PDB file of N, CA and C in Angstrom:
ATOM      1  N   MET A   1      13.728 -12.585   4.135  1.00  0.00           N
ATOM      2  CA  MET A   1      13.700 -12.088   5.502  1.00  0.00           C
ATOM      3  C   MET A   1      12.307 -11.997   5.980  1.00  0.00           C
ATOM      4  N   ASP A   2      11.973 -12.515   7.163  1.00  0.00           N
ATOM      5  CA  ASP A   2      10.663 -12.565   7.650  1.00  0.00           C
ATOM      6  C   ASP A   2      10.296 -11.331   8.443  1.00  0.00           C
ATOM      7  N   ASN A   3      11.276 -10.632   9.012  1.00  0.00           N
ATOM      8  CA  ASN A   3      10.912  -9.512   9.906  1.00  0.00           C
ATOM      9  C   ASN A   3      11.093  -8.143   9.292  1.00  0.00           C
ATOM     10  N   ARG A   4      10.982  -8.160   7.956  1.00  0.00           N
ATOM     11  CA  ARG A   4      11.031  -6.875   7.292  1.00  0.00           C
ATOM     12  C   ARG A   4       9.855  -5.888   7.587  1.00  0.00           C
ATOM     13  N   GLN A   5      10.317  -4.704   7.972  1.00  0.00           N
ATOM     14  CA  GLN A   5       9.220  -3.727   8.314  1.00  0.00           C
ATOM     15  C   GLN A   5       9.363  -2.440   7.492  1.00  0.00           C
ATOM     16  N   ILE A   6       8.236  -2.031   6.936  1.00  0.00           N
ATOM     17  CA  ILE A   6       8.163  -0.807   6.100  1.00  0.00           C
ATOM     18  C   ILE A   6       7.206   0.221   6.690  1.00  0.00           C
ATOM     19  N   ASN A   7       7.536   1.458   6.659  1.00  0.00           N
ATOM     20  CA  ASN A   7       6.612   2.476   7.088  1.00  0.00           C
ATOM     21  C   ASN A   7       7.007   3.779   6.345  1.00  0.00           C
ATOM     22  N   LEU A   8       6.454   4.038   5.169  1.00  0.00           N
ATOM     23  CA  LEU A   8       6.792   5.234   4.326  1.00  0.00           C
ATOM     24  C   LEU A   8       5.494   5.975   4.045  1.00  0.00           C
ATOM     25  N   LYS A   9       5.755   7.340   4.058  1.00  0.00           N
ATOM     26  CA  LYS A   9       4.766   8.297   3.601  1.00  0.00           C
ATOM     27  C   LYS A   9       5.368   9.108   2.503  1.00  0.00           C
ATOM     28  N   CYS A  10       4.974   8.998   1.299  1.00  0.00           N
ATOM     29  CA  CYS A  10       5.495   9.722   0.191  1.00  0.00           C
ATOM     30  C   CYS A  10       4.470  10.145  -0.857  1.00  0.00           C
ATOM     31  N   GLU A  11       4.988  10.656  -1.959  1.00  0.00           N
ATOM     32  CA  GLU A  11       4.020  10.965  -3.056  1.00  0.00           C
ATOM     33  C   GLU A  11       4.834  10.819  -4.250  1.00  0.00           C
ATOM     34  N   GLY A  12       4.100  10.555  -5.334  1.00  0.00           N
ATOM     35  CA  GLY A  12       4.692  10.341  -6.758  1.00  0.00           C
ATOM     36  C   GLY A  12       4.942   8.968  -7.103  1.00  0.00           C
ATOM     37  N   LYS A  13       4.768   8.722  -8.351  1.00  0.00           N
ATOM     38  CA  LYS A  13       4.957   7.438  -8.913  1.00  0.00           C
ATOM     39  C   LYS A  13       6.378   6.770  -8.718  1.00  0.00           C
ATOM     40  N   GLY A  14       7.362   7.642  -8.923  1.00  0.00           N
ATOM     41  CA  GLY A  14       8.703   7.092  -8.718  1.00  0.00           C
ATOM     42  C   GLY A  14       8.963   6.618  -7.343  1.00  0.00           C
ATOM     43  N   ASP A  15       8.530   7.377  -6.294  1.00  0.00           N
ATOM     44  CA  ASP A  15       8.758   6.906  -4.891  1.00  0.00           C
ATOM     45  C   ASP A  15       7.843   5.684  -4.646  1.00  0.00           C
ATOM     46  N   PHE A  16       6.644   5.696  -5.250  1.00  0.00           N
ATOM     47  CA  PHE A  16       5.729   4.536  -5.011  1.00  0.00           C
ATOM     48  C   PHE A  16       6.350   3.220  -5.634  1.00  0.00           C
ATOM     49  N   ASP A  17       6.877   3.334  -6.860  1.00  0.00           N
ATOM     50  CA  ASP A  17       7.582   2.201  -7.456  1.00  0.00           C
ATOM     51  C   ASP A  17       8.658   1.599  -6.558  1.00  0.00           C
ATOM     52  N   LEU A  18       9.482   2.499  -5.993  1.00  0.00           N
ATOM     53  CA  LEU A  18      10.632   2.080  -5.104  1.00  0.00           C
ATOM     54  C   LEU A  18      10.146   1.450  -3.894  1.00  0.00           C
ATOM     55  N   ALA A  19       9.084   2.136  -3.248  1.00  0.00           N
ATOM     56  CA  ALA A  19       8.514   1.502  -1.964  1.00  0.00           C
ATOM     57  C   ALA A  19       7.918   0.120  -2.204  1.00  0.00           C
ATOM     58  N   MET A  20       7.283  -0.016  -3.358  1.00  0.00           N
ATOM     59  CA  MET A  20       6.673  -1.334  -3.560  1.00  0.00           C
ATOM     60  C   MET A  20       7.664  -2.429  -3.838  1.00  0.00           C
ATOM     61  N   LYS A  21       8.781  -2.035  -4.478  1.00  0.00           N
ATOM     62  CA  LYS A  21       9.860  -3.002  -4.785  1.00  0.00           C
ATOM     63  C   LYS A  21      10.491  -3.419  -3.457  1.00  0.00           C
ATOM     64  N   LEU A  22      10.671  -2.496  -2.571  1.00  0.00           N
ATOM     65  CA  LEU A  22      11.118  -2.774  -1.247  1.00  0.00           C
ATOM     66  C   LEU A  22      10.221  -3.755  -0.426  1.00  0.00           C
ATOM     67  N   ALA A  23       8.888  -3.411  -0.626  1.00  0.00           N
ATOM     68  CA  ALA A  23       7.914  -4.173   0.232  1.00  0.00           C
ATOM     69  C   ALA A  23       7.678  -5.650  -0.381  1.00  0.00           C
ATOM     70  N   MET A  24       7.905  -5.822  -1.579  1.00  0.00           N
ATOM     71  CA  MET A  24       7.616  -7.063  -2.225  1.00  0.00           C
ATOM     72  C   MET A  24       8.751  -8.113  -2.166  1.00  0.00           C
ATOM     73  N   ASN A  25       9.324  -8.379  -0.984  1.00  0.00           N
ATOM     74  CA  ASN A  25      10.396  -9.274  -0.914  1.00  0.00           C
ATOM     75  C   ASN A  25       9.910 -10.777  -1.198  1.00  0.00           C
ATOM     76  N   ARG A  26       8.606 -11.028  -1.312  1.00  0.00           N
ATOM     77  CA  ARG A  26       8.198 -12.386  -1.669  1.00  0.00           C
ATOM     78  C   ARG A  26       7.961 -12.507  -3.160  1.00  0.00           C
ATOM     79  N   ASN A  27       7.901 -11.426  -3.925  1.00  0.00           N
ATOM     80  CA  ASN A  27       7.825 -11.352  -5.431  1.00  0.00           C
ATOM     81  C   ASN A  27       6.557 -11.861  -5.934  1.00  0.00           C
ATOM     82  N   LYS A  28       5.496 -11.995  -5.109  1.00  0.00           N
ATOM     83  CA  LYS A  28       4.160 -12.363  -5.704  1.00  0.00           C
ATOM     84  C   LYS A  28       3.094 -11.898  -4.816  1.00  0.00           C
ATOM     85  N   THR A  29       1.919 -11.595  -5.538  1.00  0.00           N
ATOM     86  CA  THR A  29       0.710 -11.220  -4.783  1.00  0.00           C
ATOM     87  C   THR A  29      -0.428 -12.140  -5.279  1.00  0.00           C
ATOM     88  N   ILE A  30      -1.091 -12.824  -4.351  1.00  0.00           N
ATOM     89  CA  ILE A  30      -2.194 -13.648  -4.812  1.00  0.00           C
ATOM     90  C   ILE A  30      -3.593 -13.139  -4.453  1.00  0.00           C
ATOM     91  N   GLY A  31      -3.615 -12.118  -3.454  1.00  0.00           N
ATOM     92  CA  GLY A  31      -4.926 -11.704  -3.106  1.00  0.00           C
ATOM     93  C   GLY A  31      -4.872 -10.286  -2.499  1.00  0.00           C
ATOM     94  N   TYR A  32      -6.035  -9.766  -2.172  1.00  0.00           N
ATOM     95  CA  TYR A  32      -6.060  -8.409  -1.593  1.00  0.00           C
ATOM     96  C   TYR A  32      -7.398  -8.268  -0.801  1.00  0.00           C
ATOM     97  N   ARG A  33      -7.472  -7.277   0.006  1.00  0.00           N
ATOM     98  CA  ARG A  33      -8.732  -6.807   0.562  1.00  0.00           C
ATOM     99  C   ARG A  33      -8.651  -5.335   0.913  1.00  0.00           C
ATOM    100  N   VAL A  34      -9.761  -4.655   0.978  1.00  0.00           N
ATOM    101  CA  VAL A  34      -9.824  -3.328   1.375  1.00  0.00           C
ATOM    102  C   VAL A  34     -10.460  -3.262   2.727  1.00  0.00           C
ATOM    103  N   HIS A  35      -9.780  -2.524   3.707  1.00  0.00           N
ATOM    104  CA  HIS A  35     -10.168  -2.392   5.025  1.00  0.00           C
ATOM    105  C   HIS A  35      -9.969  -0.891   5.398  1.00  0.00           C
ATOM    106  N   GLU A  36     -11.057  -0.127   5.626  1.00  0.00           N
ATOM    107  CA  GLU A  36     -10.954   1.265   6.075  1.00  0.00           C
ATOM    108  C   GLU A  36     -10.035   2.085   5.116  1.00  0.00           C
ATOM    109  N   ASN A  37     -10.291   1.956   3.861  1.00  0.00           N
ATOM    110  CA  ASN A  37      -9.556   2.696   2.748  1.00  0.00           C
ATOM    111  C   ASN A  37      -8.069   2.388   2.734  1.00  0.00           C
ATOM    112  N   LYS A  38      -7.746   1.136   3.208  1.00  0.00           N
ATOM    113  CA  LYS A  38      -6.457   0.635   3.052  1.00  0.00           C
ATOM    114  C   LYS A  38      -6.464  -0.623   2.177  1.00  0.00           C
ATOM    115  N   LEU A  39      -5.655  -0.699   1.160  1.00  0.00           N
ATOM    116  CA  LEU A  39      -5.516  -1.924   0.289  1.00  0.00           C
ATOM    117  C   LEU A  39      -4.436  -2.826   0.945  1.00  0.00           C
ATOM    118  N   ILE A  40      -4.859  -3.977   1.352  1.00  0.00           N
ATOM    119  CA  ILE A  40      -4.008  -4.963   1.934  1.00  0.00           C
ATOM    120  C   ILE A  40      -3.624  -6.059   0.885  1.00  0.00           C
ATOM    121  N   LEU A  41      -2.456  -6.447   0.766  1.00  0.00           N
ATOM    122  CA  LEU A  41      -1.965  -7.342  -0.239  1.00  0.00           C
ATOM    123  C   LEU A  41      -1.468  -8.583   0.481  1.00  0.00           C
ATOM    124  N   TYR A  42      -1.738  -9.779  -0.142  1.00  0.00           N
ATOM    125  CA  TYR A  42      -1.458 -11.103   0.416  1.00  0.00           C
ATOM    126  C   TYR A  42      -0.490 -11.841  -0.428  1.00  0.00           C
ATOM    127  N   TRP A  43       0.433 -12.600   0.213  1.00  0.00           N
ATOM    128  CA  TRP A  43       1.262 -13.542  -0.519  1.00  0.00           C
ATOM    129  C   TRP A  43       0.899 -14.913  -0.276  1.00  0.00           C
ATOM    130  N   ALA A  44       0.101 -15.176   0.751  1.00  0.00           N
ATOM    131  CA  ALA A  44      -0.338 -16.522   1.116  1.00  0.00           C
ATOM    132  C   ALA A  44      -1.852 -16.479   1.368  1.00  0.00           C
ATOM    133  N   LYS A  45      -2.562 -17.668   1.111  1.00  0.00           N
ATOM    134  CA  LYS A  45      -4.018 -17.707   1.216  1.00  0.00           C
ATOM    135  C   LYS A  45      -4.530 -17.397   2.645  1.00  0.00           C
ATOM    136  N   SER A  46      -5.587 -16.488   2.626  1.00  0.00           N
ATOM    137  CA  SER A  46      -6.273 -16.227   3.775  1.00  0.00           C
ATOM    138  C   SER A  46      -7.785 -16.169   3.521  1.00  0.00           C
ATOM    139  N   ASP A  47      -8.481 -16.406   4.603  1.00  0.00           N
ATOM    140  CA  ASP A  47      -9.974 -16.400   4.419  1.00  0.00           C
ATOM    141  C   ASP A  47     -10.562 -15.009   4.295  1.00  0.00           C
ATOM    142  N   LYS A  48      -9.700 -13.987   4.684  1.00  0.00           N
ATOM    143  CA  LYS A  48     -10.137 -12.593   4.578  1.00  0.00           C
ATOM    144  C   LYS A  48      -9.944 -11.997   3.202  1.00  0.00           C
ATOM    145  N   MET A  49      -9.115 -12.646   2.424  1.00  0.00           N
ATOM    146  CA  MET A  49      -8.741 -11.937   1.163  1.00  0.00           C
ATOM    147  C   MET A  49      -9.657 -12.294   0.017  1.00  0.00           C
ATOM    148  N   GLU A  50      -9.687 -11.422  -0.898  1.00  0.00           N
ATOM    149  CA  GLU A  50     -10.286 -11.646  -2.334  1.00  0.00           C
ATOM    150  C   GLU A  50      -9.166 -12.223  -3.200  1.00  0.00           C
ATOM    151  N   LYS A  51      -9.384 -13.240  -3.811  1.00  0.00           N
ATOM    152  CA  LYS A  51      -8.323 -13.959  -4.651  1.00  0.00           C
ATOM    153  C   LYS A  51      -8.253 -13.151  -5.929  1.00  0.00           C
ATOM    154  N   LEU A  52      -7.045 -12.837  -6.393  1.00  0.00           N
ATOM    155  CA  LEU A  52      -6.820 -12.165  -7.671  1.00  0.00           C
ATOM    156  C   LEU A  52      -7.066 -13.191  -8.809  1.00  0.00           C
ATOM    157  N   PRO A  53      -7.429 -12.746 -10.003  1.00  0.00           N
ATOM    158  CA  PRO A  53      -7.627 -13.680 -11.128  1.00  0.00           C
ATOM    159  C   PRO A  53      -6.352 -14.477 -11.430  1.00  0.00           C
ATOM    160  N   TYR A  54      -5.203 -13.909 -11.116  1.00  0.00           N
ATOM    161  CA  TYR A  54      -3.930 -14.633 -11.360  1.00  0.00           C
ATOM    162  C   TYR A  54      -2.835 -14.156 -10.466  1.00  0.00           C
ATOM    163  N   GLU A  55      -1.797 -14.779 -10.191  1.00  0.00           N
ATOM    164  CA  GLU A  55      -0.763 -14.450  -9.336  1.00  0.00           C
ATOM    165  C   GLU A  55       0.001 -13.362 -10.028  1.00  0.00           C
ATOM    166  N   MET A  56       0.162 -12.223  -9.324  1.00  0.00           N
ATOM    167  CA  MET A  56       0.849 -11.055  -9.856  1.00  0.00           C
ATOM    168  C   MET A  56       2.259 -10.903  -9.425  1.00  0.00           C
ATOM    169  N   ASN A  57       3.210 -10.567 -10.354  1.00  0.00           N
ATOM    170  CA  ASN A  57       4.545 -10.272 -10.046  1.00  0.00           C
ATOM    171  C   ASN A  57       4.683  -8.852  -9.574  1.00  0.00           C
ATOM    172  N   ILE A  58       5.850  -8.406  -9.341  1.00  0.00           N
ATOM    173  CA  ILE A  58       6.008  -7.012  -8.840  1.00  0.00           C
ATOM    174  C   ILE A  58       5.572  -5.916  -9.676  1.00  0.00           C
ATOM    175  N   GLU A  59       5.804  -5.979 -10.986  1.00  0.00           N
ATOM    176  CA  GLU A  59       5.389  -4.889 -11.916  1.00  0.00           C
ATOM    177  C   GLU A  59       3.798  -4.984 -12.004  1.00  0.00           C
ATOM    178  N   GLU A  60       3.283  -6.142 -12.096  1.00  0.00           N
ATOM    179  CA  GLU A  60       1.832  -6.186 -12.221  1.00  0.00           C
ATOM    180  C   GLU A  60       1.091  -5.746 -10.840  1.00  0.00           C
ATOM    181  N   THR A  61       1.719  -6.018  -9.745  1.00  0.00           N
ATOM    182  CA  THR A  61       1.200  -5.507  -8.520  1.00  0.00           C
ATOM    183  C   THR A  61       1.337  -3.981  -8.391  1.00  0.00           C
ATOM    184  N   ILE A  62       2.466  -3.438  -8.796  1.00  0.00           N
ATOM    185  CA  ILE A  62       2.633  -2.003  -8.785  1.00  0.00           C
ATOM    186  C   ILE A  62       1.588  -1.344  -9.589  1.00  0.00           C
ATOM    187  N   ASN A  63       1.271  -1.803 -10.829  1.00  0.00           N
ATOM    188  CA  ASN A  63       0.216  -1.268 -11.703  1.00  0.00           C
ATOM    189  C   ASN A  63      -1.187  -1.382 -11.078  1.00  0.00           C
ATOM    190  N   PHE A  64      -1.517  -2.491 -10.479  1.00  0.00           N
ATOM    191  CA  PHE A  64      -2.787  -2.752  -9.777  1.00  0.00           C
ATOM    192  C   PHE A  64      -2.996  -1.746  -8.675  1.00  0.00           C
ATOM    193  N   VAL A  65      -1.974  -1.608  -7.782  1.00  0.00           N
ATOM    194  CA  VAL A  65      -2.103  -0.755  -6.671  1.00  0.00           C
ATOM    195  C   VAL A  65      -2.104   0.707  -7.039  1.00  0.00           C
ATOM    196  N   TRP A  66      -1.233   1.109  -8.003  1.00  0.00           N
ATOM    197  CA  TRP A  66      -1.195   2.458  -8.437  1.00  0.00           C
ATOM    198  C   TRP A  66      -2.609   2.857  -8.940  1.00  0.00           C
ATOM    199  N   GLY A  67      -3.257   1.972  -9.723  1.00  0.00           N
ATOM    200  CA  GLY A  67      -4.648   2.233 -10.316  1.00  0.00           C
ATOM    201  C   GLY A  67      -5.612   2.415  -9.193  1.00  0.00           C
ATOM    202  N   TRP A  68      -5.525   1.617  -8.165  1.00  0.00           N
ATOM    203  CA  TRP A  68      -6.438   1.687  -6.944  1.00  0.00           C
ATOM    204  C   TRP A  68      -6.235   2.999  -6.268  1.00  0.00           C
ATOM    205  N   LEU A  69      -4.944   3.427  -6.033  1.00  0.00           N
ATOM    206  CA  LEU A  69      -4.609   4.693  -5.397  1.00  0.00           C
ATOM    207  C   LEU A  69      -5.214   5.876  -6.192  1.00  0.00           C
ATOM    208  N   ASP A  70      -5.124   5.750  -7.537  1.00  0.00           N
ATOM    209  CA  ASP A  70      -5.622   6.880  -8.401  1.00  0.00           C
ATOM    210  C   ASP A  70      -7.199   7.067  -8.185  1.00  0.00           C
ATOM    211  N   LYS A  71      -7.885   5.944  -7.889  1.00  0.00           N
ATOM    212  CA  LYS A  71      -9.346   6.128  -7.774  1.00  0.00           C
ATOM    213  C   LYS A  71      -9.848   6.266  -6.339  1.00  0.00           C
ATOM    214  N   ASN A  72      -8.920   6.208  -5.418  1.00  0.00           N
ATOM    215  CA  ASN A  72      -9.239   6.351  -3.988  1.00  0.00           C
ATOM    216  C   ASN A  72      -8.593   7.526  -3.405  1.00  0.00           C
ATOM    217  N   LYS A  73      -9.321   8.437  -2.838  1.00  0.00           N
ATOM    218  CA  LYS A  73      -8.784   9.681  -2.335  1.00  0.00           C
ATOM    219  C   LYS A  73      -8.602   9.485  -0.778  1.00  0.00           C
ATOM    220  N   PRO A  74      -7.638  10.369  -0.206  1.00  0.00           N
ATOM    221  CA  PRO A  74      -7.451  10.253   1.330  1.00  0.00           C
ATOM    222  C   PRO A  74      -8.743  10.493   2.068  1.00  0.00           C
ATOM    223  N   LEU A  75      -8.957   9.802   3.173  1.00  0.00           N
ATOM    224  CA  LEU A  75     -10.136  10.011   4.056  1.00  0.00           C
ATOM    225  C   LEU A  75      -9.916  11.339   4.861  1.00  0.00           C
ATOM    226  N   GLY A  76     -11.018  11.924   5.227  1.00  0.00           N
ATOM    227  CA  GLY A  76     -10.957  13.072   6.037  1.00  0.00           C
ATOM    228  C   GLY A  76     -10.871  14.298   5.239  1.00  0.00           C
ATOM    229  N   LYS A  77     -11.080  15.449   5.975  1.00  0.00           N
ATOM    230  CA  LYS A  77     -11.102  16.720   5.316  1.00  0.00           C
ATOM    231  C   LYS A  77      -9.660  17.091   4.903  1.00  0.00           C
ATOM    232  N   GLU A  78      -9.595  17.794   3.775  1.00  0.00           N
ATOM    233  CA  GLU A  78      -8.286  18.246   3.281  1.00  0.00           C
ATOM    234  C   GLU A  78      -7.595  19.206   4.317  1.00  0.00           C
ATOM    235  N   PRO A  79      -6.457  18.944   4.657  1.00  0.00           N
ATOM    236  CA  PRO A  79      -5.755  19.843   5.639  1.00  0.00           C
ATOM    237  C   PRO A  79      -5.755  21.279   5.269  1.00  0.00           C
ATOM    238  N   ASP A  80      -5.954  22.209   6.215  1.00  0.00           N
ATOM    239  CA  ASP A  80      -5.903  23.597   6.031  1.00  0.00           C
ATOM    240  C   ASP A  80      -4.607  24.127   6.658  1.00  0.00           C
ATOM    241  N   HIS A  81      -3.800  24.648   5.803  1.00  0.00           N
ATOM    242  CA  HIS A  81      -2.404  25.165   6.264  1.00  0.00           C
ATOM    243  C   HIS A  81      -1.956  26.134   5.350  1.00  0.00           C
ATOM    244  N   ASP A  82      -0.813  26.713   5.576  1.00  0.00           N
ATOM    245  CA  ASP A  82      -0.191  27.707   4.760  1.00  0.00           C
ATOM    246  C   ASP A  82       0.610  27.032   3.603  1.00  0.00           C
ATOM    247  N   GLY A  83      -0.046  26.531   2.558  1.00  0.00           N
ATOM    248  CA  GLY A  83       0.526  25.848   1.496  1.00  0.00           C
ATOM    249  C   GLY A  83      -0.584  25.175   0.682  1.00  0.00           C
ATOM    250  N   HIS A  84      -0.279  24.051   0.046  1.00  0.00           N
ATOM    251  CA  HIS A  84      -1.218  23.356  -0.712  1.00  0.00           C
ATOM    252  C   HIS A  84      -1.002  21.827  -0.376  1.00  0.00           C
ATOM    253  N   ASN A  85      -2.096  21.075  -0.926  1.00  0.00           N
ATOM    254  CA  ASN A  85      -2.099  19.661  -0.655  1.00  0.00           C
ATOM    255  C   ASN A  85      -2.165  18.898  -1.977  1.00  0.00           C
ATOM    256  N   GLY A  86      -1.697  17.704  -2.000  1.00  0.00           N
ATOM    257  CA  GLY A  86      -1.767  16.789  -3.067  1.00  0.00           C
ATOM    258  C   GLY A  86      -2.141  15.426  -2.484  1.00  0.00           C
ATOM    259  N   GLN A  87      -2.128  14.451  -3.310  1.00  0.00           N
ATOM    260  CA  GLN A  87      -2.383  13.097  -2.977  1.00  0.00           C
ATOM    261  C   GLN A  87      -1.071  12.245  -2.805  1.00  0.00           C
ATOM    262  N   GLY A  88      -0.839  11.712  -1.658  1.00  0.00           N
ATOM    263  CA  GLY A  88       0.326  10.999  -1.434  1.00  0.00           C
ATOM    264  C   GLY A  88      -0.190   9.549  -1.086  1.00  0.00           C
ATOM    265  N   PHE A  89       0.739   8.704  -0.441  1.00  0.00           N
ATOM    266  CA  PHE A  89       0.392   7.369  -0.043  1.00  0.00           C
ATOM    267  C   PHE A  89       1.188   7.063   1.233  1.00  0.00           C
ATOM    268  N   HIS A  90       0.656   6.124   2.000  1.00  0.00           N
ATOM    269  CA  HIS A  90       1.290   5.542   3.171  1.00  0.00           C
ATOM    270  C   HIS A  90       1.367   4.054   2.925  1.00  0.00           C
ATOM    271  N   ILE A  91       2.614   3.516   2.904  1.00  0.00           N
ATOM    272  CA  ILE A  91       2.730   2.057   2.682  1.00  0.00           C
ATOM    273  C   ILE A  91       3.473   1.449   3.881  1.00  0.00           C
ATOM    274  N   PHE A  92       2.776   0.389   4.512  1.00  0.00           N
ATOM    275  CA  PHE A  92       3.356  -0.012   5.777  1.00  0.00           C
ATOM    276  C   PHE A  92       2.999  -1.536   6.054  1.00  0.00           C
ATOM    277  N   ASN A  93       3.697  -2.053   6.977  1.00  0.00           N
ATOM    278  CA  ASN A  93       3.410  -3.303   7.619  1.00  0.00           C
ATOM    279  C   ASN A  93       3.828  -3.226   9.127  1.00  0.00           C
ATOM    280  N   GLU A  94       3.647  -4.344   9.771  1.00  0.00           N
ATOM    281  CA  GLU A  94       3.864  -4.332  11.224  1.00  0.00           C
ATOM    282  C   GLU A  94       5.039  -5.263  11.534  1.00  0.00           C
ATOM    283  N   SER A  95       5.210  -5.580  12.801  1.00  0.00           N
ATOM    284  CA  SER A  95       6.287  -6.436  13.228  1.00  0.00           C
ATOM    285  C   SER A  95       6.153  -7.763  12.533  1.00  0.00           C
ATOM    286  N   TRP A  96       7.340  -8.276  12.134  1.00  0.00           N
ATOM    287  CA  TRP A  96       7.497  -9.559  11.387  1.00  0.00           C
ATOM    288  C   TRP A  96       6.844  -9.501   9.985  1.00  0.00           C
ATOM    289  N   GLY A  97       6.599  -8.307   9.485  1.00  0.00           N
ATOM    290  CA  GLY A  97       6.148  -8.094   8.130  1.00  0.00           C
ATOM    291  C   GLY A  97       4.569  -8.548   8.088  1.00  0.00           C
ATOM    292  N   HIS A  98       3.978  -8.532   9.212  1.00  0.00           N
ATOM    293  CA  HIS A  98       2.486  -8.893   9.154  1.00  0.00           C
ATOM    294  C   HIS A  98       1.662  -7.568   8.954  1.00  0.00           C
ATOM    295  N   VAL A  99       0.443  -7.694   8.617  1.00  0.00           N
ATOM    296  CA  VAL A  99      -0.438  -6.520   8.492  1.00  0.00           C
ATOM    297  C   VAL A  99      -1.746  -6.874   9.211  1.00  0.00           C
ATOM    298  N   PHE A 100      -2.001  -5.926  10.184  1.00  0.00           N
ATOM    299  CA  PHE A 100      -3.169  -6.125  11.103  1.00  0.00           C
ATOM    300  C   PHE A 100      -3.252  -7.528  11.705  1.00  0.00           C
ATOM    301  N   GLY A 101      -2.030  -7.999  12.125  1.00  0.00           N
ATOM    302  CA  GLY A 101      -1.972  -9.337  12.691  1.00  0.00           C
ATOM    303  C   GLY A 101      -1.965 -10.505  11.820  1.00  0.00           C
ATOM    304  N   GLU A 102      -2.144 -10.299  10.476  1.00  0.00           N
ATOM    305  CA  GLU A 102      -2.227 -11.408   9.570  1.00  0.00           C
ATOM    306  C   GLU A 102      -0.869 -11.753   8.960  1.00  0.00           C
ATOM    307  N   TRP A 103      -0.312 -12.906   9.168  1.00  0.00           N
ATOM    308  CA  TRP A 103       0.973 -13.280   8.585  1.00  0.00           C
ATOM    309  C   TRP A 103       0.859 -13.510   7.114  1.00  0.00           C
ATOM    310  N   GLN A 104      -0.273 -13.709   6.570  1.00  0.00           N
ATOM    311  CA  GLN A 104      -0.451 -14.004   5.145  1.00  0.00           C
ATOM    312  C   GLN A 104      -0.279 -12.703   4.302  1.00  0.00           C
ATOM    313  N   ALA A 105      -0.643 -11.581   4.904  1.00  0.00           N
ATOM    314  CA  ALA A 105      -0.459 -10.325   4.285  1.00  0.00           C
ATOM    315  C   ALA A 105       0.885  -9.810   4.454  1.00  0.00           C
ATOM    316  N   PHE A 106       1.341  -9.035   3.375  1.00  0.00           N
ATOM    317  CA  PHE A 106       2.662  -8.493   3.539  1.00  0.00           C
ATOM    318  C   PHE A 106       2.773  -6.998   3.492  1.00  0.00           C
ATOM    319  N   ILE A 107       1.756  -6.220   3.099  1.00  0.00           N
ATOM    320  CA  ILE A 107       1.836  -4.795   2.995  1.00  0.00           C
ATOM    321  C   ILE A 107       0.429  -4.147   2.896  1.00  0.00           C
ATOM    322  N   ALA A 108       0.241  -3.002   3.432  1.00  0.00           N
ATOM    323  CA  ALA A 108      -0.954  -2.195   3.280  1.00  0.00           C
ATOM    324  C   ALA A 108      -0.626  -0.892   2.720  1.00  0.00           C
ATOM    325  N   ILE A 109      -1.443  -0.355   1.940  1.00  0.00           N
ATOM    326  CA  ILE A 109      -1.304   0.968   1.155  1.00  0.00           C
ATOM    327  C   ILE A 109      -2.536   1.778   1.504  1.00  0.00           C
ATOM    328  N   GLU A 110      -2.348   3.068   1.799  1.00  0.00           N
ATOM    329  CA  GLU A 110      -3.540   3.945   1.909  1.00  0.00           C
ATOM    330  C   GLU A 110      -3.212   5.266   1.347  1.00  0.00           C
ATOM    331  N   PRO A 111      -4.228   5.963   0.700  1.00  0.00           N
ATOM    332  CA  PRO A 111      -4.009   7.245   0.192  1.00  0.00           C
ATOM    333  C   PRO A 111      -3.949   8.267   1.404  1.00  0.00           C
ATOM    334  N   ILE A 112      -3.083   9.220   1.314  1.00  0.00           N
ATOM    335  CA  ILE A 112      -2.981  10.250   2.427  1.00  0.00           C
ATOM    336  C   ILE A 112      -2.822  11.617   1.780  1.00  0.00           C
ATOM    337  N   TRP A 113      -3.025  12.622   2.514  1.00  0.00           N
ATOM    338  CA  TRP A 113      -2.817  13.967   2.041  1.00  0.00           C
ATOM    339  C   TRP A 113      -1.297  14.255   2.152  1.00  0.00           C
ATOM    340  N   ALA A 114      -0.734  14.731   1.004  1.00  0.00           N
ATOM    341  CA  ALA A 114       0.626  15.189   0.961  1.00  0.00           C
ATOM    342  C   ALA A 114       0.542  16.646   1.109  1.00  0.00           C
ATOM    343  N   MET A 115       1.288  17.196   2.117  1.00  0.00           N
ATOM    344  CA  MET A 115       1.158  18.693   2.331  1.00  0.00           C
ATOM    345  C   MET A 115       2.401  19.336   1.935  1.00  0.00           C
ATOM    346  N   TYR A 116       2.301  20.517   1.261  1.00  0.00           N
ATOM    347  CA  TYR A 116       3.358  21.249   0.705  1.00  0.00           C
ATOM    348  C   TYR A 116       3.280  22.616   1.311  1.00  0.00           C
ATOM    349  N   GLY A 117       4.299  22.974   2.102  1.00  0.00           N
ATOM    350  CA  GLY A 117       4.315  24.365   2.693  1.00  0.00           C
ATOM    351  C   GLY A 117       4.836  25.339   1.652  1.00  0.00           C
ATOM    352  N   LYS A 118       4.746  26.605   2.006  1.00  0.00           N
ATOM    353  CA  LYS A 118       5.206  27.708   1.127  1.00  0.00           C
ATOM    354  C   LYS A 118       6.631  27.760   1.277  1.00  0.00           C
TER     355      LYS A 118
END
């Protein structure tokens, strides 16, 4: 399906695994790039991407991105509210499954603040 659209904000490895499995309808990742603390994944060659050392399947891509999320914290000041914060993620694409207008990319992931009220 070419017009698959994803827009999830969650936290935790279990939710992340499910979100990535939904996002990876092409079943492969050949490249990536980081733009404004967002990791963008590619299924087809683009001049903007960094080529991965090998084509990654779903499980390999999940491990790669989860490792990246672990090392990158949300941008901006930690929210001040009546509760506490953790690290979550936002996984998304745009119309027709593109990312920032690129048809070769299939998903973008960014770390976000997960807020927990009392």
